[in-house]
N, C-alpha and C. Protein backbone atom coordinates (compact mmCIF):
# COMPACT_ATOMS: atom_id res chain seq x y z
N MET A 1 -26.51 13.08 -6.99
CA MET A 1 -25.45 12.85 -6.10
C MET A 1 -26.58 12.31 -4.78
N PRO A 2 -25.56 11.65 -3.60
CA PRO A 2 -25.71 11.08 -2.60
C PRO A 2 -25.68 12.16 -1.62
N ASP A 3 -26.27 11.93 -0.69
CA ASP A 3 -26.02 13.16 0.86
C ASP A 3 -25.38 12.95 1.54
N GLN A 4 -24.55 11.95 1.52
CA GLN A 4 -23.62 12.10 2.08
C GLN A 4 -21.97 10.95 1.22
N LEU A 5 -20.55 10.54 1.97
CA LEU A 5 -19.80 9.73 1.28
C LEU A 5 -20.26 8.73 1.72
N PRO A 6 -20.03 8.32 0.72
CA PRO A 6 -20.50 6.50 0.76
C PRO A 6 -19.21 5.45 1.42
N HIS A 7 -19.72 4.77 2.46
CA HIS A 7 -18.98 4.18 3.76
C HIS A 7 -19.44 2.34 3.19
N ILE A 8 -18.48 1.77 2.19
CA ILE A 8 -18.66 0.81 1.83
C ILE A 8 -18.13 -1.00 2.44
N HIS A 9 -19.32 -1.85 2.24
CA HIS A 9 -18.20 -2.92 3.01
C HIS A 9 -18.17 -4.22 2.00
N SER A 10 -17.54 -4.46 1.98
CA SER A 10 -18.06 -6.29 1.51
C SER A 10 -17.29 -7.09 2.83
N ALA A 11 -17.06 -8.22 1.83
CA ALA A 11 -16.43 -9.72 2.82
C ALA A 11 -15.31 -9.47 3.73
N ARG A 12 -14.43 -8.76 2.65
CA ARG A 12 -12.96 -8.44 3.51
C ARG A 12 -13.11 -7.45 3.62
N LEU A 13 -13.06 -5.96 2.97
CA LEU A 13 -13.01 -4.79 3.47
C LEU A 13 -13.76 -3.91 4.02
N SER A 14 -13.56 -2.94 4.08
CA SER A 14 -13.99 -1.99 4.29
C SER A 14 -13.25 -0.36 3.39
N LEU A 15 -14.33 0.18 2.64
CA LEU A 15 -13.94 1.59 2.03
C LEU A 15 -14.73 3.16 2.42
N LEU A 16 -13.62 3.19 2.99
CA LEU A 16 -14.25 4.58 3.28
C LEU A 16 -13.81 6.19 2.82
N PRO A 17 -13.96 7.13 2.90
CA PRO A 17 -13.72 8.13 2.35
C PRO A 17 -12.32 8.61 3.11
N PHE A 18 -11.16 9.17 1.52
CA PHE A 18 -10.05 9.42 2.68
C PHE A 18 -10.31 10.43 2.86
N ARG A 19 -9.82 10.42 4.54
CA ARG A 19 -9.15 11.25 5.49
C ARG A 19 -7.79 11.76 5.09
N GLY A 20 -7.41 13.30 5.77
CA GLY A 20 -5.29 13.16 6.34
C GLY A 20 -5.00 11.91 6.67
N ASP A 21 -6.00 12.02 8.05
CA ASP A 21 -5.26 11.06 8.83
C ASP A 21 -5.40 9.44 7.82
N ASP A 22 -5.43 9.43 7.08
CA ASP A 22 -4.54 8.44 5.54
C ASP A 22 -3.31 8.19 5.49
N ALA A 23 -3.07 10.02 5.54
CA ALA A 23 -2.49 10.11 4.51
C ALA A 23 -0.81 9.21 4.72
N ALA A 24 -0.89 9.33 5.32
CA ALA A 24 0.62 8.91 5.71
C ALA A 24 0.88 7.41 5.70
N GLU A 25 -0.28 6.73 6.09
CA GLU A 25 -0.22 5.07 5.33
C GLU A 25 -0.38 5.55 3.84
N ALA A 26 -0.86 6.25 3.07
CA ALA A 26 -1.36 6.02 1.60
C ALA A 26 0.23 6.89 1.11
N PHE A 27 0.78 7.35 2.04
CA PHE A 27 2.63 7.80 0.62
C PHE A 27 2.95 7.17 0.86
N ALA A 28 3.22 5.70 1.71
CA ALA A 28 4.34 5.15 1.86
C ALA A 28 4.16 3.89 1.60
N CYS A 29 3.10 3.89 0.08
CA CYS A 29 2.70 2.41 -0.23
C CYS A 29 2.53 3.29 -1.39
N ILE A 30 2.92 4.01 -2.11
CA ILE A 30 3.12 5.24 -3.19
C ILE A 30 4.37 5.08 -3.67
N THR A 31 4.75 4.02 -4.63
CA THR A 31 6.48 3.59 -5.13
C THR A 31 6.40 3.65 -6.53
N PRO A 32 7.44 3.59 -7.52
CA PRO A 32 7.82 3.64 -8.83
C PRO A 32 7.04 2.64 -9.40
N THR A 33 7.49 1.56 -8.50
CA THR A 33 7.31 0.39 -9.42
C THR A 33 5.88 0.58 -9.19
N LEU A 34 4.21 0.34 -8.00
CA LEU A 34 3.42 0.61 -8.14
C LEU A 34 2.55 1.77 -8.97
N ALA A 35 3.81 2.40 -9.31
CA ALA A 35 2.44 4.03 -10.38
C ALA A 35 3.10 4.07 -11.71
N ARG A 36 3.98 2.45 -11.90
CA ARG A 36 4.37 2.24 -13.38
C ARG A 36 2.92 2.20 -14.55
N PHE A 37 1.98 1.72 -14.21
CA PHE A 37 1.05 1.38 -14.53
C PHE A 37 0.01 2.77 -14.39
N MET A 38 0.62 3.92 -13.56
CA MET A 38 -0.96 4.79 -13.58
C MET A 38 -0.23 5.97 -14.03
N ASP A 39 -1.73 6.97 -14.50
CA ASP A 39 -1.06 8.19 -15.58
C ASP A 39 0.08 8.30 -14.51
N TRP A 40 0.03 9.11 -13.54
CA TRP A 40 0.97 9.99 -12.63
C TRP A 40 2.17 9.52 -12.01
N GLU A 41 2.76 10.71 -11.63
CA GLU A 41 4.34 9.82 -10.64
C GLU A 41 3.95 10.31 -9.49
N PRO A 42 5.09 9.19 -8.38
CA PRO A 42 4.40 9.46 -6.96
C PRO A 42 5.10 10.84 -6.66
N SER A 43 4.48 11.56 -5.54
CA SER A 43 4.82 12.79 -5.08
C SER A 43 5.58 12.33 -4.73
N PRO A 44 7.53 13.30 -5.11
CA PRO A 44 8.50 13.35 -4.06
C PRO A 44 8.56 13.38 -2.93
N SER A 45 7.23 13.98 -1.36
CA SER A 45 7.30 14.33 -0.14
C SER A 45 5.94 14.02 -0.09
N PRO A 46 5.95 13.97 1.60
CA PRO A 46 4.47 13.91 2.00
C PRO A 46 3.78 15.76 1.96
N ALA A 47 5.16 16.88 1.91
CA ALA A 47 4.13 17.99 1.45
C ALA A 47 3.63 18.15 0.10
N ALA A 48 4.30 17.60 -0.69
CA ALA A 48 3.70 17.01 -1.76
C ALA A 48 2.33 16.97 -2.11
N PHE A 49 2.33 15.61 -1.85
CA PHE A 49 1.70 14.45 -1.62
C PHE A 49 0.19 15.57 -1.03
N GLU A 50 0.07 16.00 -0.62
CA GLU A 50 -0.74 16.64 0.67
C GLU A 50 -1.50 17.83 -0.11
N ALA A 51 -1.19 18.13 -1.27
CA ALA A 51 -1.37 19.03 -1.99
C ALA A 51 -1.87 18.23 -3.10
N VAL A 52 -1.96 16.88 -3.65
CA VAL A 52 -2.89 15.76 -4.02
C VAL A 52 -3.99 15.52 -3.20
N TRP A 53 -3.86 15.16 -1.86
CA TRP A 53 -4.93 14.97 -1.38
C TRP A 53 -5.97 15.95 -0.70
N GLN A 54 -5.73 17.12 -0.67
CA GLN A 54 -5.71 18.28 -0.87
C GLN A 54 -7.28 18.43 -1.98
N GLY A 55 -6.64 17.77 -3.25
CA GLY A 55 -7.56 18.42 -4.03
C GLY A 55 -8.73 16.54 -4.85
N TRP A 56 -8.49 15.52 -3.54
CA TRP A 56 -8.84 14.34 -3.38
C TRP A 56 -10.26 15.55 -2.34
N LEU A 57 -10.39 15.44 -1.33
CA LEU A 57 -11.18 16.16 -0.37
C LEU A 57 -12.24 17.37 -1.01
N ALA A 58 -11.70 18.37 -2.10
CA ALA A 58 -12.54 19.08 -2.46
C ALA A 58 -13.48 18.69 -3.44
N GLY A 59 -12.62 17.58 -4.17
CA GLY A 59 -13.76 16.63 -4.88
C GLY A 59 -14.81 16.51 -4.29
N MET A 60 -14.77 15.28 -3.24
CA MET A 60 -15.45 15.27 -2.86
C MET A 60 -16.66 15.88 -1.80
N ALA A 61 -15.88 17.57 -1.57
CA ALA A 61 -16.88 17.75 -1.46
C ALA A 61 -17.88 18.90 -2.49
N ARG A 62 -17.89 17.89 -3.36
CA ARG A 62 -18.07 19.09 -4.57
C ARG A 62 -19.75 17.94 -4.79
N GLY A 63 -19.04 16.75 -4.83
CA GLY A 63 -19.45 15.29 -5.14
C GLY A 63 -19.78 15.56 -6.62
N SER A 64 -18.34 15.43 -7.37
CA SER A 64 -17.53 15.02 -8.66
C SER A 64 -16.43 13.76 -8.45
N ASP A 65 -16.00 13.70 -7.32
CA ASP A 65 -14.88 12.57 -7.02
C ASP A 65 -15.20 12.00 -5.38
N PHE A 66 -14.81 10.52 -5.58
CA PHE A 66 -14.74 9.83 -4.33
C PHE A 66 -13.45 8.81 -4.59
N VAL A 67 -13.12 9.45 -3.40
CA VAL A 67 -11.64 8.60 -2.76
C VAL A 67 -11.66 7.81 -1.91
N LEU A 68 -11.76 6.84 -1.70
CA LEU A 68 -11.60 5.97 -0.87
C LEU A 68 -10.97 5.10 -0.08
N THR A 69 -10.47 4.89 1.22
CA THR A 69 -9.65 4.23 1.50
C THR A 69 -9.85 2.89 1.61
N ILE A 70 -8.76 1.87 1.30
CA ILE A 70 -8.91 0.37 1.10
C ILE A 70 -8.26 -0.62 2.47
N ARG A 71 -9.94 -1.34 3.51
CA ARG A 71 -8.79 -1.42 4.45
C ARG A 71 -9.68 -2.38 4.56
N ARG A 72 -8.14 -3.67 5.29
CA ARG A 72 -8.47 -4.94 5.18
C ARG A 72 -10.13 -4.92 6.91
N ALA A 73 -10.88 -5.67 6.82
CA ALA A 73 -12.14 -5.48 7.75
C ALA A 73 -12.02 -5.85 9.26
N ASP A 74 -10.81 -7.22 9.22
CA ASP A 74 -10.70 -7.99 9.95
C ASP A 74 -10.09 -7.42 10.99
N ASP A 75 -8.96 -6.64 10.42
CA ASP A 75 -7.75 -5.32 11.45
C ASP A 75 -7.17 -4.22 11.16
N GLY A 76 -8.09 -3.83 10.00
CA GLY A 76 -7.82 -2.46 9.27
C GLY A 76 -6.59 -1.81 9.06
N LEU A 77 -6.14 -3.29 8.29
CA LEU A 77 -4.67 -2.43 7.46
C LEU A 77 -4.80 -2.07 6.43
N PHE A 78 -3.97 -0.61 5.87
CA PHE A 78 -4.40 0.38 4.33
C PHE A 78 -4.06 -1.21 3.73
N LEU A 79 -5.21 -1.18 2.69
CA LEU A 79 -4.19 -1.86 1.50
C LEU A 79 -4.29 -0.90 -0.18
N GLY A 80 -4.85 -0.40 0.14
CA GLY A 80 -4.85 0.98 -0.95
C GLY A 80 -5.58 1.98 -1.50
N LEU A 81 -6.12 2.96 -2.74
CA LEU A 81 -7.18 3.36 -2.40
C LEU A 81 -7.62 3.32 -3.86
N VAL A 82 -9.16 3.38 -3.71
CA VAL A 82 -10.07 3.38 -5.06
C VAL A 82 -11.02 4.66 -5.07
N GLY A 83 -11.00 4.81 -6.20
CA GLY A 83 -11.52 6.00 -6.58
C GLY A 83 -12.83 6.09 -7.89
N LEU A 84 -13.67 7.27 -7.47
CA LEU A 84 -14.61 7.02 -8.67
C LEU A 84 -14.72 8.42 -9.04
N HIS A 85 -13.92 8.56 -9.95
CA HIS A 85 -14.07 10.69 -10.73
C HIS A 85 -14.91 10.71 -11.30
N HIS A 86 -15.27 11.91 -11.71
CA HIS A 86 -16.26 12.34 -12.28
C HIS A 86 -18.06 11.78 -12.41
N ALA A 87 -18.24 11.58 -11.23
CA ALA A 87 -18.96 11.20 -10.74
C ALA A 87 -20.32 12.01 -10.67
N ASP A 88 -20.07 12.69 -11.06
CA ASP A 88 -21.08 13.78 -11.60
C ASP A 88 -21.46 13.85 -12.65
N THR A 89 -21.18 13.05 -13.71
CA THR A 89 -21.65 12.58 -14.81
C THR A 89 -22.06 11.51 -16.17
N PRO A 90 -22.78 10.84 -16.72
CA PRO A 90 -23.50 10.05 -16.75
C PRO A 90 -22.42 8.39 -17.10
N ALA A 91 -20.86 9.37 -16.79
CA ALA A 91 -20.21 7.85 -17.32
C ALA A 91 -19.31 8.19 -16.09
N PRO A 92 -19.32 7.77 -14.72
CA PRO A 92 -17.95 7.89 -13.33
C PRO A 92 -16.62 7.04 -14.36
N GLU A 93 -15.62 7.65 -13.80
CA GLU A 93 -14.62 6.11 -14.40
C GLU A 93 -13.98 6.35 -12.72
N LEU A 94 -14.10 4.62 -12.58
CA LEU A 94 -13.10 3.53 -11.54
C LEU A 94 -11.65 3.69 -12.24
N GLY A 95 -10.95 4.36 -9.98
CA GLY A 95 -9.49 3.74 -10.30
C GLY A 95 -9.08 3.37 -8.90
N ILE A 96 -8.12 2.47 -9.50
CA ILE A 96 -7.61 1.63 -7.95
C ILE A 96 -5.89 1.23 -8.15
N TRP A 97 -5.18 1.53 -6.70
CA TRP A 97 -4.58 1.20 -6.55
C TRP A 97 -3.94 -0.19 -5.01
N ILE A 98 -3.65 -1.12 -4.95
CA ILE A 98 -3.44 -1.87 -4.08
C ILE A 98 -2.08 -2.01 -3.69
N ARG A 99 -1.35 -1.59 -2.46
CA ARG A 99 0.27 -1.69 -2.03
C ARG A 99 0.30 -3.16 -2.52
N GLU A 100 1.62 -2.89 -2.87
CA GLU A 100 2.55 -3.98 -3.52
C GLU A 100 2.48 -5.20 -2.72
N ASP A 101 2.62 -5.27 -2.22
CA ASP A 101 2.98 -5.78 -0.61
C ASP A 101 1.89 -7.07 -0.41
N CYS A 102 0.31 -6.98 -0.69
CA CYS A 102 -0.99 -7.32 -1.41
C CYS A 102 -1.95 -7.83 -2.31
N HIS A 103 -0.97 -7.18 -3.13
CA HIS A 103 -0.74 -8.03 -4.77
C HIS A 103 -1.49 -9.50 -4.60
N GLY A 104 -2.54 -9.48 -4.98
CA GLY A 104 -2.96 -11.19 -5.77
C GLY A 104 -3.84 -11.90 -4.50
N HIS A 105 -4.05 -11.16 -3.67
CA HIS A 105 -5.62 -12.14 -3.53
C HIS A 105 -6.55 -11.58 -3.18
N ALA A 106 -6.69 -10.49 -4.92
CA ALA A 106 -7.80 -10.55 -5.08
C ALA A 106 -8.48 -8.95 -4.52
N PHE A 107 -8.03 -8.25 -3.51
CA PHE A 107 -8.68 -7.42 -3.07
C PHE A 107 -8.83 -6.33 -4.07
N GLY A 108 -7.95 -5.94 -4.90
CA GLY A 108 -8.48 -5.31 -6.15
C GLY A 108 -10.04 -5.35 -6.75
N LEU A 109 -9.98 -6.52 -6.75
CA LEU A 109 -11.22 -6.52 -7.33
C LEU A 109 -12.63 -6.81 -6.51
N GLU A 110 -12.32 -7.08 -5.19
CA GLU A 110 -13.56 -6.67 -4.72
C GLU A 110 -13.53 -5.16 -3.76
N ALA A 111 -12.64 -4.44 -4.24
CA ALA A 111 -12.66 -3.39 -4.03
C ALA A 111 -13.59 -2.81 -5.07
N VAL A 112 -12.94 -2.79 -6.58
CA VAL A 112 -13.91 -2.34 -7.55
C VAL A 112 -15.04 -2.75 -7.93
N THR A 113 -15.00 -4.02 -7.65
CA THR A 113 -16.76 -4.21 -7.55
C THR A 113 -17.64 -3.93 -6.52
N ALA A 114 -17.34 -3.53 -5.55
CA ALA A 114 -18.02 -3.26 -4.23
C ALA A 114 -18.67 -1.77 -4.73
N LEU A 115 -17.16 -1.03 -5.21
CA LEU A 115 -18.07 0.57 -5.43
C LEU A 115 -18.11 0.90 -6.76
N ALA A 116 -17.99 0.09 -7.38
CA ALA A 116 -18.93 -0.37 -9.04
C ALA A 116 -20.26 -0.64 -8.19
N GLN A 117 -20.49 -1.45 -7.91
CA GLN A 117 -22.35 -1.37 -7.14
C GLN A 117 -23.26 -0.34 -6.30
N TRP A 118 -21.61 -0.04 -5.26
CA TRP A 118 -22.60 1.28 -5.06
C TRP A 118 -22.60 2.06 -5.80
N ALA A 119 -22.16 2.25 -6.93
CA ALA A 119 -22.19 3.54 -8.14
C ALA A 119 -23.56 3.07 -8.63
N GLN A 120 -23.78 1.98 -9.27
CA GLN A 120 -24.59 1.66 -9.50
C GLN A 120 -26.51 1.90 -9.10
N ASP A 121 -25.98 1.65 -7.50
CA ASP A 121 -27.21 1.80 -6.81
C ASP A 121 -27.79 3.21 -6.68
N ASN A 122 -26.49 3.98 -5.70
CA ASN A 122 -26.67 5.37 -5.86
C ASN A 122 -26.88 7.06 -7.03
N LEU A 123 -25.79 5.84 -7.60
CA LEU A 123 -25.37 7.02 -9.00
C LEU A 123 -26.61 6.97 -10.32
N SER A 124 -27.04 5.71 -10.79
CA SER A 124 -27.90 5.17 -11.45
C SER A 124 -26.84 5.92 -12.93
N PRO A 125 -25.29 5.25 -13.35
CA PRO A 125 -25.26 6.11 -14.44
C PRO A 125 -25.18 5.41 -15.46
N ALA A 126 -24.94 6.18 -16.86
CA ALA A 126 -25.49 5.29 -18.54
C ALA A 126 -24.34 4.23 -18.43
N HIS A 127 -22.99 4.37 -17.29
CA HIS A 127 -22.08 3.30 -17.50
C HIS A 127 -20.59 3.68 -17.21
N LEU A 128 -20.04 3.31 -16.48
CA LEU A 128 -18.78 3.31 -15.86
C LEU A 128 -17.52 3.20 -16.98
N VAL A 129 -16.72 3.76 -16.87
CA VAL A 129 -15.24 3.76 -17.43
C VAL A 129 -14.61 3.47 -16.89
N TYR A 130 -13.30 2.52 -16.82
CA TYR A 130 -12.71 1.72 -16.75
C TYR A 130 -11.05 1.68 -17.20
N PRO A 131 -10.21 3.07 -17.32
CA PRO A 131 -8.95 3.10 -18.15
C PRO A 131 -7.93 2.75 -17.41
N VAL A 132 -7.51 1.54 -18.08
CA VAL A 132 -5.94 0.19 -17.17
C VAL A 132 -5.10 0.50 -18.66
N ALA A 133 -4.02 0.76 -18.14
CA ALA A 133 -2.65 0.07 -18.95
C ALA A 133 -3.02 -1.09 -19.38
N GLU A 134 -2.06 -0.93 -20.96
CA GLU A 134 -2.53 -2.27 -21.62
C GLU A 134 -1.74 -3.36 -21.19
N PRO A 135 -0.84 -3.33 -20.49
CA PRO A 135 -0.01 -4.58 -19.79
C PRO A 135 -0.11 -5.00 -18.67
N ASN A 136 -1.21 -4.47 -17.41
CA ASN A 136 -1.83 -4.39 -16.98
C ASN A 136 -3.09 -5.81 -16.68
N TRP A 137 -2.25 -6.28 -16.54
CA TRP A 137 -3.51 -7.83 -16.88
C TRP A 137 -4.07 -8.12 -15.63
N PRO A 138 -3.54 -7.74 -13.72
CA PRO A 138 -4.91 -7.83 -13.05
C PRO A 138 -6.38 -6.72 -13.39
N SER A 139 -5.75 -5.44 -13.34
CA SER A 139 -6.68 -4.74 -14.10
C SER A 139 -7.17 -4.64 -14.84
N ARG A 140 -7.35 -5.29 -16.17
CA ARG A 140 -8.33 -6.07 -17.26
C ARG A 140 -8.70 -7.07 -17.16
N ARG A 141 -8.41 -7.44 -16.17
CA ARG A 141 -9.26 -8.94 -15.40
C ARG A 141 -10.51 -7.93 -14.60
N ILE A 142 -10.46 -6.90 -14.00
CA ILE A 142 -11.31 -7.02 -12.92
C ILE A 142 -12.59 -5.84 -14.07
N ALA A 143 -11.79 -5.04 -15.21
CA ALA A 143 -12.62 -4.94 -15.32
C ALA A 143 -13.23 -5.66 -16.28
N GLU A 144 -12.91 -6.48 -17.15
CA GLU A 144 -14.01 -7.66 -17.52
C GLU A 144 -14.51 -8.56 -16.74
N SER A 145 -14.22 -8.85 -16.03
CA SER A 145 -15.01 -8.89 -14.51
C SER A 145 -16.39 -8.46 -14.21
N LEU A 146 -16.61 -7.10 -14.66
CA LEU A 146 -17.57 -6.16 -14.44
C LEU A 146 -18.35 -6.36 -15.65
N GLY A 147 -17.84 -7.10 -17.07
CA GLY A 147 -18.99 -7.14 -18.04
C GLY A 147 -17.82 -5.54 -19.33
N GLY A 148 -17.04 -5.48 -18.61
CA GLY A 148 -16.39 -4.55 -19.27
C GLY A 148 -15.73 -4.68 -20.34
N THR A 149 -15.99 -4.32 -21.60
CA THR A 149 -15.45 -4.55 -23.07
C THR A 149 -14.24 -2.73 -23.34
N VAL A 150 -13.51 -3.32 -24.16
CA VAL A 150 -12.46 -1.84 -24.31
C VAL A 150 -13.29 -1.06 -25.45
N VAL A 151 -13.36 -0.13 -25.28
CA VAL A 151 -14.06 0.96 -26.43
C VAL A 151 -13.28 1.49 -26.71
N GLY A 152 -12.03 1.87 -26.32
CA GLY A 152 -10.88 2.92 -26.95
C GLY A 152 -9.62 2.34 -26.79
N GLN A 153 -8.77 3.64 -26.60
CA GLN A 153 -7.27 3.18 -26.75
C GLN A 153 -6.92 4.57 -26.80
N ALA A 154 -5.34 4.85 -26.17
CA ALA A 154 -5.12 5.95 -26.72
C ALA A 154 -3.92 5.50 -25.48
N THR A 155 -2.88 6.73 -25.92
CA THR A 155 -1.26 6.94 -25.53
C THR A 155 -1.18 7.33 -24.29
N THR A 156 -0.62 7.27 -24.10
CA THR A 156 -0.32 8.53 -22.73
C THR A 156 1.59 8.16 -22.62
N ARG A 157 2.00 9.35 -21.52
CA ARG A 157 3.69 9.27 -21.71
C ARG A 157 4.34 8.39 -21.95
N LYS A 158 3.57 7.01 -21.00
CA LYS A 158 4.02 6.04 -19.96
C LYS A 158 3.58 3.83 -20.67
N PHE A 159 2.68 4.46 -21.32
CA PHE A 159 1.89 2.83 -21.92
C PHE A 159 1.13 3.72 -22.62
N GLU A 160 -0.01 2.46 -23.30
CA GLU A 160 -0.75 2.06 -24.07
C GLU A 160 -2.23 1.91 -23.22
N ARG A 161 -2.89 2.55 -23.17
CA ARG A 161 -4.01 2.10 -21.99
C ARG A 161 -5.83 2.41 -23.19
N LEU A 162 -5.97 0.73 -21.86
CA LEU A 162 -7.02 0.65 -22.81
C LEU A 162 -8.17 1.20 -22.52
N ILE A 163 -9.22 2.00 -22.51
CA ILE A 163 -10.20 1.94 -22.50
C ILE A 163 -11.76 1.49 -21.80
N TYR A 164 -12.40 0.68 -20.78
CA TYR A 164 -13.18 -0.16 -20.51
C TYR A 164 -14.22 1.00 -20.62
N ARG A 165 -15.64 0.09 -21.21
CA ARG A 165 -17.28 0.61 -20.44
C ARG A 165 -17.11 -0.52 -19.89
N ILE A 166 -17.66 -0.38 -18.43
CA ILE A 166 -18.79 -1.42 -17.66
C ILE A 166 -20.34 -0.71 -17.98
N PRO A 167 -21.21 -1.95 -18.47
CA PRO A 167 -22.32 -1.34 -18.58
C PRO A 167 -22.75 -0.86 -17.05
N GLY A 168 -23.58 0.16 -17.49
CA GLY A 168 -24.51 0.57 -16.31
C GLY A 168 -26.18 -0.45 -16.18
N ARG A 169 -26.90 -0.97 -15.26
CA ARG A 169 -27.66 -1.36 -14.36
C ARG A 169 -28.81 -0.97 -15.88
N ARG A 170 -30.11 -1.84 -16.35
CA ARG A 170 -30.67 -1.14 -17.14
C ARG A 170 -32.53 -1.66 -16.27
């Protein structure tokens, strides 16, 4: 495990560890339509959301999960969250969401690519896992751009999920 939480910078983005100060911006962006491709439903209140993000902070303290805010580097605009879950296993799991009014600018691709690169450099996983709702073509393209191939499928209460395996570095 790395000695400190990741601070990742790409051409247009800053990926920084989630903090309680980020909660209001994140909560405001988590809508039912955004969550249609997520396993979870939006928290009904900021207080309920606090229980969620407190769990993220605990996971980051343990080194098992990294939840990073995605901000535009030029103006600091909050764009979404990207996560590396089960980071202490041979096959960490990637996840992402981008606020709806910022879709279509390849921010998700840039953020996931940067986090996957960080994971390869710092954790040396055997491979990465990227679960995606089958109808979520933008996320599927992200996985495929990283060399991901479908290795499994599962039915959730909301959608069919495809499990992509993204190869580790050899």
